[in-house]
Amino acid sequence: MRPSRSILRPAYTYIFTFTFTTAHPHPHPAPTIRPTTRISNANGSSSSRRNLNTITSPPRAAIKTAPSLHHNQRIKFTTTTRKLQTAQSSNMSSATSFYDFKPLDKRGQPTPLSEYKGKVILIVNTASKCGFTPQYEGLEKIYKNLSAKYGSDFVILGFPCNQFGGQEPGSDEEVQSFCQLNYGVSFPIMGKTDVNGDAANPLFEWLKHEKPGLMGMKRVKWNFEKFLVGRDGKVKGRWASTTKPDALVAPITEELEKKAEL
C-alpha cells in the first residue's frame, strides 16, 4: 500500500516567542504579553504571525502590598535614629565616671547620678516575673543593714528591664507597686529601660564596657545582674544573676570603708 501524500508533507516546527512591554514612569502598569508564533518548515525558512489572543496579566491595583514609608518619612526616621544613637555614643564616650550619666527615674525625669557622688552604689537590672525576682528580698535586707551602719553612703538602684523573656511587662507604676507590696522595697526603682541592643541605656553600655563579664562578654545575660560602683565612681565588681545579695556584703563593705575622695 502506498502512503498517503499528507504523510509526506514537510514537517513544521512551532516556536513561540513572547514580547513584554511596560510603560513608564511609576506607577508601572501591568505588563502586556503578546504571544507570537513562528513556523519553520523543513527547508529552514520561517514565517511569523500573531494568531493568538493578547494575554494581559491582572491589573496591579488588584495585588495588595504592604504599605511603605514615604521617602520623606524614611529620611526623617533615619535622621532621628542617627541623632539618638550619636547622642548616646557621645554620652558614653565622654563619660569618665558613674556620675556623668542621667538615667530616667520612675516618672520619666532625668536623674543626675552626680547626686550620689562619694557614695557606694549597687546597680541591678530587675524584673517582676523572673525566677530571680525573690532576690528583691535579699537586696532590701542588705540595703537596710548597711544603711543602718553607713547611713546614706550606700545606695541600691534597680533598673526594671523587659528584655529577658518579657518578664517585666508592666508599666512603671505597676513595677513600683509590685516591689513595695510584695517585697517592701525602699531603695529607688528607676524607669524601665533596655540594657542591651541599639536602644540600651548609655549607663549600662558604660558599665559593661568598664567591667566585662565572663570571658570578656559585655552583654548582660539575664535579669538581676549586679554592678558595684565605688566612691570614686569606678566600677569595682560585676556578678551574675545567680549570685545572691548576701554574697555581696563583703565587697560592698570593703568599698564603704574606703575614704570618700570628693
C-alpha atoms as a PDB file:
ATOM      1  CA  MET A   1       0.000   0.000   0.000  1.00  0.00           C
ATOM      2  CA  ARG A   2       1.350   3.416  -0.983  1.00  0.00           C
ATOM      3  CA  PRO A   3       1.464   6.031   1.802  1.00  0.00           C
ATOM      4  CA  SER A   4      -0.847   8.996   1.684  1.00  0.00           C
ATOM      5  CA  ARG A   5       0.614  12.252   0.352  1.00  0.00           C
ATOM      6  CA  SER A   6      -0.391  14.079   3.530  1.00  0.00           C
ATOM      7  CA  ILE A   7       2.065  11.962   5.476  1.00  0.00           C
ATOM      8  CA  LEU A   8       4.905  13.027   3.197  1.00  0.00           C
ATOM      9  CA  ARG A   9       4.300  16.752   3.667  1.00  0.00           C
ATOM     10  CA  PRO A  10       7.233  18.706   5.185  1.00  0.00           C
ATOM     11  CA  ALA A  11       7.191  18.904   8.978  1.00  0.00           C
ATOM     12  CA  TYR A  12       6.727  22.266  10.639  1.00  0.00           C
ATOM     13  CA  THR A  13       8.258  23.403  13.940  1.00  0.00           C
ATOM     14  CA  TYR A  14       6.335  25.904  16.030  1.00  0.00           C
ATOM     15  CA  ILE A  15       8.409  28.318  18.086  1.00  0.00           C
ATOM     16  CA  PHE A  16       6.582  30.626  20.478  1.00  0.00           C
ATOM     17  CA  THR A  17       8.132  33.952  21.437  1.00  0.00           C
ATOM     18  CA  PHE A  18       6.685  36.423  23.934  1.00  0.00           C
ATOM     19  CA  THR A  19       7.127  40.161  23.868  1.00  0.00           C
ATOM     20  CA  PHE A  20       6.779  42.087  27.167  1.00  0.00           C
ATOM     21  CA  THR A  21       6.025  45.766  27.058  1.00  0.00           C
ATOM     22  CA  THR A  22       5.897  48.102  30.016  1.00  0.00           C
ATOM     23  CA  ALA A  23       5.273  51.788  30.344  1.00  0.00           C
ATOM     24  CA  HIS A  24       6.998  54.399  32.448  1.00  0.00           C
ATOM     25  CA  PRO A  25       7.095  56.319  34.699  1.00  0.00           C
ATOM     26  CA  HIS A  26       5.963  54.954  38.087  1.00  0.00           C
ATOM     27  CA  PRO A  27       3.411  53.662  38.944  1.00  0.00           C
ATOM     28  CA  HIS A  28       4.040  50.812  36.488  1.00  0.00           C
ATOM     29  CA  PRO A  29       1.029  49.336  34.726  1.00  0.00           C
ATOM     30  CA  ALA A  30       0.749  45.602  34.388  1.00  0.00           C
ATOM     31  CA  PRO A  31       2.904  44.100  31.611  1.00  0.00           C
ATOM     32  CA  THR A  32       1.155  43.005  28.409  1.00  0.00           C
ATOM     33  CA  ILE A  33       2.075  39.651  26.882  1.00  0.00           C
ATOM     34  CA  ARG A  34       1.657  39.276  23.122  1.00  0.00           C
ATOM     35  CA  PRO A  35       2.378  35.681  22.058  1.00  0.00           C
ATOM     36  CA  THR A  36       3.729  35.295  18.528  1.00  0.00           C
ATOM     37  CA  THR A  37       4.041  32.033  16.613  1.00  0.00           C
ATOM     38  CA  ARG A  38       6.967  31.386  14.357  1.00  0.00           C
ATOM     39  CA  ILE A  39       6.648  28.492  11.920  1.00  0.00           C
ATOM     40  CA  SER A  40       9.715  26.848  10.445  1.00  0.00           C
ATOM     41  CA  ASN A  41       9.405  24.349   7.633  1.00  0.00           C
ATOM     42  CA  ALA A  42      11.740  21.604   6.635  1.00  0.00           C
ATOM     43  CA  ASN A  43      13.661  23.923   4.276  1.00  0.00           C
ATOM     44  CA  GLY A  44      14.684  26.177   7.167  1.00  0.00           C
ATOM     45  CA  SER A  45      12.575  29.121   6.058  1.00  0.00           C
ATOM     46  CA  SER A  46      10.292  30.650   8.603  1.00  0.00           C
ATOM     47  CA  SER A  47       7.396  32.976   8.875  1.00  0.00           C
ATOM     48  CA  SER A  48       5.693  34.601  11.828  1.00  0.00           C
ATOM     49  CA  ARG A  49       2.219  35.752  12.528  1.00  0.00           C
ATOM     50  CA  ARG A  50       0.240  36.788  15.584  1.00  0.00           C
ATOM     51  CA  ASN A  51      -2.505  34.258  15.663  1.00  0.00           C
ATOM     52  CA  LEU A  52      -3.144  34.065  19.399  1.00  0.00           C
ATOM     53  CA  ASN A  53      -5.232  36.389  21.525  1.00  0.00           C
ATOM     54  CA  THR A  54      -3.344  39.029  23.536  1.00  0.00           C
ATOM     55  CA  ILE A  55      -2.861  37.914  27.145  1.00  0.00           C
ATOM     56  CA  THR A  56      -2.909  40.620  29.778  1.00  0.00           C
ATOM     57  CA  SER A  57      -1.996  39.991  33.431  1.00  0.00           C
ATOM     58  CA  PRO A  58      -4.325  41.184  36.227  1.00  0.00           C
ATOM     59  CA  PRO A  59      -4.119  44.914  36.984  1.00  0.00           C
ATOM     60  CA  ARG A  60      -1.505  45.854  39.569  1.00  0.00           C
ATOM     61  CA  ALA A  61      -4.149  47.536  41.691  1.00  0.00           C
ATOM     62  CA  ALA A  62      -5.613  44.108  42.442  1.00  0.00           C
ATOM     63  CA  ILE A  63      -2.367  42.981  44.124  1.00  0.00           C
ATOM     64  CA  LYS A  64      -2.170  44.049  47.761  1.00  0.00           C
ATOM     65  CA  THR A  65       1.230  45.095  49.020  1.00  0.00           C
ATOM     66  CA  ALA A  66       2.397  46.188  52.450  1.00  0.00           C
ATOM     67  CA  PRO A  67       2.410  49.965  52.875  1.00  0.00           C
ATOM     68  CA  SER A  68       5.820  51.589  52.896  1.00  0.00           C
ATOM     69  CA  LEU A  69       7.090  54.789  54.392  1.00  0.00           C
ATOM     70  CA  HIS A  70       7.072  57.843  52.185  1.00  0.00           C
ATOM     71  CA  HIS A  71      10.549  58.922  51.115  1.00  0.00           C
ATOM     72  CA  ASN A  72      10.459  61.986  53.352  1.00  0.00           C
ATOM     73  CA  GLN A  73       9.237  59.873  56.281  1.00  0.00           C
ATOM     74  CA  ARG A  74      12.148  57.469  55.832  1.00  0.00           C
ATOM     75  CA  ILE A  75      14.620  60.335  55.839  1.00  0.00           C
ATOM     76  CA  LYS A  76      13.065  61.821  58.989  1.00  0.00           C
ATOM     77  CA  PHE A  77      13.014  58.452  60.807  1.00  0.00           C
ATOM     78  CA  THR A  78      16.617  57.673  59.844  1.00  0.00           C
ATOM     79  CA  THR A  79      17.815  61.129  60.852  1.00  0.00           C
ATOM     80  CA  THR A  80      16.088  60.925  64.248  1.00  0.00           C
ATOM     81  CA  THR A  81      17.520  57.449  64.907  1.00  0.00           C
ATOM     82  CA  ARG A  82      21.025  58.554  63.992  1.00  0.00           C
ATOM     83  CA  LYS A  83      20.788  61.609  66.218  1.00  0.00           C
ATOM     84  CA  LEU A  84      19.679  59.429  69.170  1.00  0.00           C
ATOM     85  CA  GLN A  85      22.461  56.901  68.596  1.00  0.00           C
ATOM     86  CA  THR A  86      25.031  59.680  68.181  1.00  0.00           C
ATOM     87  CA  ALA A  87      23.887  61.364  71.388  1.00  0.00           C
ATOM     88  CA  GLN A  88      24.102  58.099  73.327  1.00  0.00           C
ATOM     89  CA  SER A  89      27.529  57.268  71.907  1.00  0.00           C
ATOM     90  CA  SER A  90      28.766  60.755  72.700  1.00  0.00           C
ATOM     91  CA  ASN A  91      27.380  60.478  76.222  1.00  0.00           C
ATOM     92  CA  MET A  92      29.223  57.230  76.856  1.00  0.00           C
ATOM     93  CA  SER A  93      32.475  58.236  75.139  1.00  0.00           C
ATOM     94  CA  SER A  94      32.722  61.447  77.165  1.00  0.00           C
ATOM     95  CA  ALA A  95      31.906  59.741  80.468  1.00  0.00           C
ATOM     96  CA  THR A  96      34.736  59.156  82.899  1.00  0.00           C
ATOM     97  CA  SER A  97      32.702  58.001  85.875  1.00  0.00           C
ATOM     98  CA  PHE A  98      29.317  56.810  87.008  1.00  0.00           C
ATOM     99  CA  TYR A  99      28.350  60.352  87.944  1.00  0.00           C
ATOM    100  CA  ASP A 100      28.333  61.593  84.345  1.00  0.00           C
ATOM    101  CA  PHE A 101      25.016  59.885  83.498  1.00  0.00           C
ATOM    102  CA  LYS A 102      21.387  60.955  83.874  1.00  0.00           C
ATOM    103  CA  PRO A 103      19.072  57.933  83.572  1.00  0.00           C
ATOM    104  CA  LEU A 104      15.306  58.376  83.744  1.00  0.00           C
ATOM    105  CA  ASP A 105      13.512  57.821  87.030  1.00  0.00           C
ATOM    106  CA  LYS A 106      10.079  56.210  87.546  1.00  0.00           C
ATOM    107  CA  ARG A 107       8.384  59.425  86.370  1.00  0.00           C
ATOM    108  CA  GLY A 108      10.483  59.668  83.219  1.00  0.00           C
ATOM    109  CA  GLN A 109      12.594  62.519  84.577  1.00  0.00           C
ATOM    110  CA  PRO A 110      16.413  62.609  84.203  1.00  0.00           C
ATOM    111  CA  THR A 111      18.237  61.772  87.418  1.00  0.00           C
ATOM    112  CA  PRO A 112      21.769  63.214  87.634  1.00  0.00           C
ATOM    113  CA  LEU A 113      23.854  60.469  89.196  1.00  0.00           C
ATOM    114  CA  SER A 114      26.220  63.178  90.387  1.00  0.00           C
ATOM    115  CA  GLU A 115      23.806  63.355  93.344  1.00  0.00           C
ATOM    116  CA  TYR A 116      25.394  60.109  94.552  1.00  0.00           C
ATOM    117  CA  LYS A 117      28.981  61.309  94.350  1.00  0.00           C
ATOM    118  CA  GLY A 118      31.141  59.824  97.102  1.00  0.00           C
ATOM    119  CA  LYS A 119      28.673  57.008  97.791  1.00  0.00           C
ATOM    120  CA  VAL A 120      28.826  53.277  97.062  1.00  0.00           C
ATOM    121  CA  ILE A 121      26.183  52.203  94.541  1.00  0.00           C
ATOM    122  CA  LEU A 122      24.869  48.757  93.627  1.00  0.00           C
ATOM    123  CA  ILE A 123      23.195  48.673  90.190  1.00  0.00           C
ATOM    124  CA  VAL A 124      20.764  45.822  89.430  1.00  0.00           C
ATOM    125  CA  ASN A 125      18.622  45.184  86.338  1.00  0.00           C
ATOM    126  CA  THR A 126      15.374  43.769  87.698  1.00  0.00           C
ATOM    127  CA  ALA A 127      12.162  42.004  86.627  1.00  0.00           C
ATOM    128  CA  SER A 128       8.885  41.131  88.377  1.00  0.00           C
ATOM    129  CA  LYS A 129       8.155  37.723  86.826  1.00  0.00           C
ATOM    130  CA  CYS A 130      11.585  36.089  86.903  1.00  0.00           C
ATOM    131  CA  GLY A 131      12.869  33.118  88.849  1.00  0.00           C
ATOM    132  CA  PHE A 132      15.353  35.535  90.457  1.00  0.00           C
ATOM    133  CA  THR A 133      12.670  38.049  91.474  1.00  0.00           C
ATOM    134  CA  PRO A 134      12.805  36.859  95.130  1.00  0.00           C
ATOM    135  CA  GLN A 135      16.274  38.457  95.233  1.00  0.00           C
ATOM    136  CA  TYR A 136      14.394  41.686  95.907  1.00  0.00           C
ATOM    137  CA  GLU A 137      14.056  40.424  99.464  1.00  0.00           C
ATOM    138  CA  GLY A 138      17.801  39.903  99.838  1.00  0.00           C
ATOM    139  CA  LEU A 139      18.583  43.262  98.250  1.00  0.00           C
ATOM    140  CA  GLU A 140      16.234  45.054 100.634  1.00  0.00           C
ATOM    141  CA  LYS A 141      17.840  43.213 103.559  1.00  0.00           C
ATOM    142  CA  ILE A 142      21.419  44.276 102.790  1.00  0.00           C
ATOM    143  CA  TYR A 143      20.218  47.782 101.947  1.00  0.00           C
ATOM    144  CA  LYS A 144      18.649  48.214 105.377  1.00  0.00           C
ATOM    145  CA  ASN A 145      21.501  46.557 107.269  1.00  0.00           C
ATOM    146  CA  LEU A 146      24.282  48.531 105.584  1.00  0.00           C
ATOM    147  CA  SER A 147      22.304  51.765 105.704  1.00  0.00           C
ATOM    148  CA  ALA A 148      21.899  51.294 109.450  1.00  0.00           C
ATOM    149  CA  LYS A 149      25.700  51.298 109.780  1.00  0.00           C
ATOM    150  CA  TYR A 150      26.815  53.630 106.989  1.00  0.00           C
ATOM    151  CA  GLY A 151      23.770  55.855 106.612  1.00  0.00           C
ATOM    152  CA  SER A 152      23.148  57.243 103.130  1.00  0.00           C
ATOM    153  CA  ASP A 153      26.609  56.225 101.919  1.00  0.00           C
ATOM    154  CA  PHE A 154      25.161  53.041 100.415  1.00  0.00           C
ATOM    155  CA  VAL A 155      22.517  53.085  97.670  1.00  0.00           C
ATOM    156  CA  ILE A 156      20.885  50.407  95.532  1.00  0.00           C
ATOM    157  CA  LEU A 157      19.389  51.425  92.186  1.00  0.00           C
ATOM    158  CA  GLY A 158      17.030  48.996  90.467  1.00  0.00           C
ATOM    159  CA  PHE A 159      16.515  49.250  86.706  1.00  0.00           C
ATOM    160  CA  PRO A 160      13.458  47.267  85.514  1.00  0.00           C
ATOM    161  CA  CYS A 161      14.043  45.650  82.124  1.00  0.00           C
ATOM    162  CA  ASN A 162      11.720  43.655  79.865  1.00  0.00           C
ATOM    163  CA  GLN A 163      14.397  42.292  77.504  1.00  0.00           C
ATOM    164  CA  PHE A 164      14.758  38.858  79.079  1.00  0.00           C
ATOM    165  CA  GLY A 165      11.775  36.637  78.434  1.00  0.00           C
ATOM    166  CA  GLY A 166       9.358  39.564  78.614  1.00  0.00           C
ATOM    167  CA  GLN A 167       9.409  39.226  82.405  1.00  0.00           C
ATOM    168  CA  GLU A 168       8.821  42.901  83.183  1.00  0.00           C
ATOM    169  CA  PRO A 169       5.715  43.714  81.090  1.00  0.00           C
ATOM    170  CA  GLY A 170       4.056  46.214  83.436  1.00  0.00           C
ATOM    171  CA  SER A 171       4.141  49.997  83.443  1.00  0.00           C
ATOM    172  CA  ASP A 172       6.476  51.979  85.695  1.00  0.00           C
ATOM    173  CA  GLU A 173       3.630  52.491  88.157  1.00  0.00           C
ATOM    174  CA  GLU A 174       2.846  48.769  88.230  1.00  0.00           C
ATOM    175  CA  VAL A 175       6.504  47.909  88.790  1.00  0.00           C
ATOM    176  CA  GLN A 176       6.744  50.322  91.729  1.00  0.00           C
ATOM    177  CA  SER A 177       3.577  48.919  93.286  1.00  0.00           C
ATOM    178  CA  PHE A 178       4.738  45.318  92.844  1.00  0.00           C
ATOM    179  CA  CYS A 179       8.092  45.943  94.527  1.00  0.00           C
ATOM    180  CA  GLN A 180       6.602  47.731  97.501  1.00  0.00           C
ATOM    181  CA  LEU A 181       3.640  45.430  98.100  1.00  0.00           C
ATOM    182  CA  ASN A 182       5.483  42.128  97.667  1.00  0.00           C
ATOM    183  CA  TYR A 183       8.975  42.858  98.994  1.00  0.00           C
ATOM    184  CA  GLY A 184       8.743  46.168 100.840  1.00  0.00           C
ATOM    185  CA  VAL A 185      11.436  47.655  98.605  1.00  0.00           C
ATOM    186  CA  SER A 186      12.574  51.042  99.903  1.00  0.00           C
ATOM    187  CA  PHE A 187      15.567  51.686  97.629  1.00  0.00           C
ATOM    188  CA  PRO A 188      14.987  53.606  94.369  1.00  0.00           C
ATOM    189  CA  ILE A 189      13.494  51.750  91.409  1.00  0.00           C
ATOM    190  CA  MET A 190      14.172  53.675  88.204  1.00  0.00           C
ATOM    191  CA  GLY A 191      12.150  53.796  84.984  1.00  0.00           C
ATOM    192  CA  LYS A 192      12.032  50.758  82.692  1.00  0.00           C
ATOM    193  CA  THR A 193      14.985  50.581  80.342  1.00  0.00           C
ATOM    194  CA  ASP A 194      16.947  48.407  77.913  1.00  0.00           C
ATOM    195  CA  VAL A 195      20.348  47.105  78.953  1.00  0.00           C
ATOM    196  CA  ASN A 196      21.412  45.541  75.625  1.00  0.00           C
ATOM    197  CA  GLY A 197      20.992  46.402  71.956  1.00  0.00           C
ATOM    198  CA  ASP A 198      20.775  49.607  69.949  1.00  0.00           C
ATOM    199  CA  ALA A 199      18.447  51.270  72.456  1.00  0.00           C
ATOM    200  CA  ALA A 200      20.463  50.262  75.524  1.00  0.00           C
ATOM    201  CA  ASN A 201      20.711  52.767  78.349  1.00  0.00           C
ATOM    202  CA  PRO A 202      24.078  54.600  77.986  1.00  0.00           C
ATOM    203  CA  LEU A 203      24.743  53.931  81.673  1.00  0.00           C
ATOM    204  CA  PHE A 204      24.629  50.175  81.091  1.00  0.00           C
ATOM    205  CA  GLU A 205      26.739  50.484  77.953  1.00  0.00           C
ATOM    206  CA  TRP A 206      29.360  52.190  80.080  1.00  0.00           C
ATOM    207  CA  LEU A 207      29.068  49.684  82.933  1.00  0.00           C
ATOM    208  CA  LYS A 208      29.528  46.751  80.523  1.00  0.00           C
ATOM    209  CA  HIS A 209      32.489  48.446  78.890  1.00  0.00           C
ATOM    210  CA  GLU A 210      34.168  49.138  82.216  1.00  0.00           C
ATOM    211  CA  LYS A 211      33.567  45.663  83.646  1.00  0.00           C
ATOM    212  CA  PRO A 212      33.066  42.916  81.019  1.00  0.00           C
ATOM    213  CA  GLY A 213      31.630  39.619  82.164  1.00  0.00           C
ATOM    214  CA  LEU A 214      32.987  36.085  81.930  1.00  0.00           C
ATOM    215  CA  MET A 215      35.405  35.599  79.003  1.00  0.00           C
ATOM    216  CA  GLY A 216      35.128  39.279  78.139  1.00  0.00           C
ATOM    217  CA  MET A 217      31.393  39.141  77.401  1.00  0.00           C
ATOM    218  CA  LYS A 218      29.892  42.601  77.666  1.00  0.00           C
ATOM    219  CA  ARG A 219      26.208  41.783  77.220  1.00  0.00           C
ATOM    220  CA  VAL A 220      24.011  41.483  80.275  1.00  0.00           C
ATOM    221  CA  LYS A 221      22.929  37.840  80.198  1.00  0.00           C
ATOM    222  CA  TRP A 222      19.765  37.910  82.323  1.00  0.00           C
ATOM    223  CA  ASN A 223      17.740  39.687  84.983  1.00  0.00           C
ATOM    224  CA  PHE A 224      19.378  40.604  88.298  1.00  0.00           C
ATOM    225  CA  GLU A 225      22.966  41.042  87.163  1.00  0.00           C
ATOM    226  CA  LYS A 226      24.778  43.328  89.553  1.00  0.00           C
ATOM    227  CA  PHE A 227      27.381  46.096  89.175  1.00  0.00           C
ATOM    228  CA  LEU A 228      29.156  47.701  92.127  1.00  0.00           C
ATOM    229  CA  VAL A 229      30.354  51.300  91.827  1.00  0.00           C
ATOM    230  CA  GLY A 230      32.841  52.630  94.363  1.00  0.00           C
ATOM    231  CA  ARG A 231      33.104  56.043  95.988  1.00  0.00           C
ATOM    232  CA  ASP A 232      35.328  57.211  93.143  1.00  0.00           C
ATOM    233  CA  GLY A 233      32.688  56.491  90.505  1.00  0.00           C
ATOM    234  CA  LYS A 234      34.558  53.493  89.083  1.00  0.00           C
ATOM    235  CA  VAL A 235      33.108  50.018  88.563  1.00  0.00           C
ATOM    236  CA  LYS A 236      34.526  47.693  91.211  1.00  0.00           C
ATOM    237  CA  GLY A 237      32.693  44.440  90.528  1.00  0.00           C
ATOM    238  CA  ARG A 238      30.147  42.591  88.426  1.00  0.00           C
ATOM    239  CA  TRP A 239      28.159  39.498  89.396  1.00  0.00           C
ATOM    240  CA  ALA A 240      25.845  37.144  87.540  1.00  0.00           C
ATOM    241  CA  SER A 241      22.163  36.637  88.275  1.00  0.00           C
ATOM    242  CA  THR A 242      22.910  33.508  90.281  1.00  0.00           C
ATOM    243  CA  THR A 243      24.934  35.455  92.854  1.00  0.00           C
ATOM    244  CA  LYS A 244      22.704  36.109  95.853  1.00  0.00           C
ATOM    245  CA  PRO A 245      22.681  39.532  97.531  1.00  0.00           C
ATOM    246  CA  ASP A 246      24.123  38.157 100.796  1.00  0.00           C
ATOM    247  CA  ALA A 247      27.311  37.235  98.930  1.00  0.00           C
ATOM    248  CA  LEU A 248      27.881  40.905  98.112  1.00  0.00           C
ATOM    249  CA  VAL A 249      28.027  42.186 101.681  1.00  0.00           C
ATOM    250  CA  ALA A 250      31.812  41.751 101.952  1.00  0.00           C
ATOM    251  CA  PRO A 251      32.820  43.579  98.734  1.00  0.00           C
ATOM    252  CA  ILE A 252      30.271  46.331  99.398  1.00  0.00           C
ATOM    253  CA  THR A 253      31.563  46.810 102.944  1.00  0.00           C
ATOM    254  CA  GLU A 254      35.135  46.966 101.643  1.00  0.00           C
ATOM    255  CA  GLU A 255      34.194  49.877  99.390  1.00  0.00           C
ATOM    256  CA  LEU A 256      32.230  51.605 102.144  1.00  0.00           C
ATOM    257  CA  GLU A 257      35.263  51.507 104.423  1.00  0.00           C
ATOM    258  CA  LYS A 258      37.316  53.474 101.913  1.00  0.00           C
ATOM    259  CA  LYS A 259      37.547  57.207 102.435  1.00  0.00           C
ATOM    260  CA  ALA A 260      35.470  59.237 100.023  1.00  0.00           C
ATOM    261  CA  GLU A 261      37.565  61.202  97.539  1.00  0.00           C
ATOM    262  CA  LEU A 262      35.413  64.206  96.702  1.00  0.00           C
END
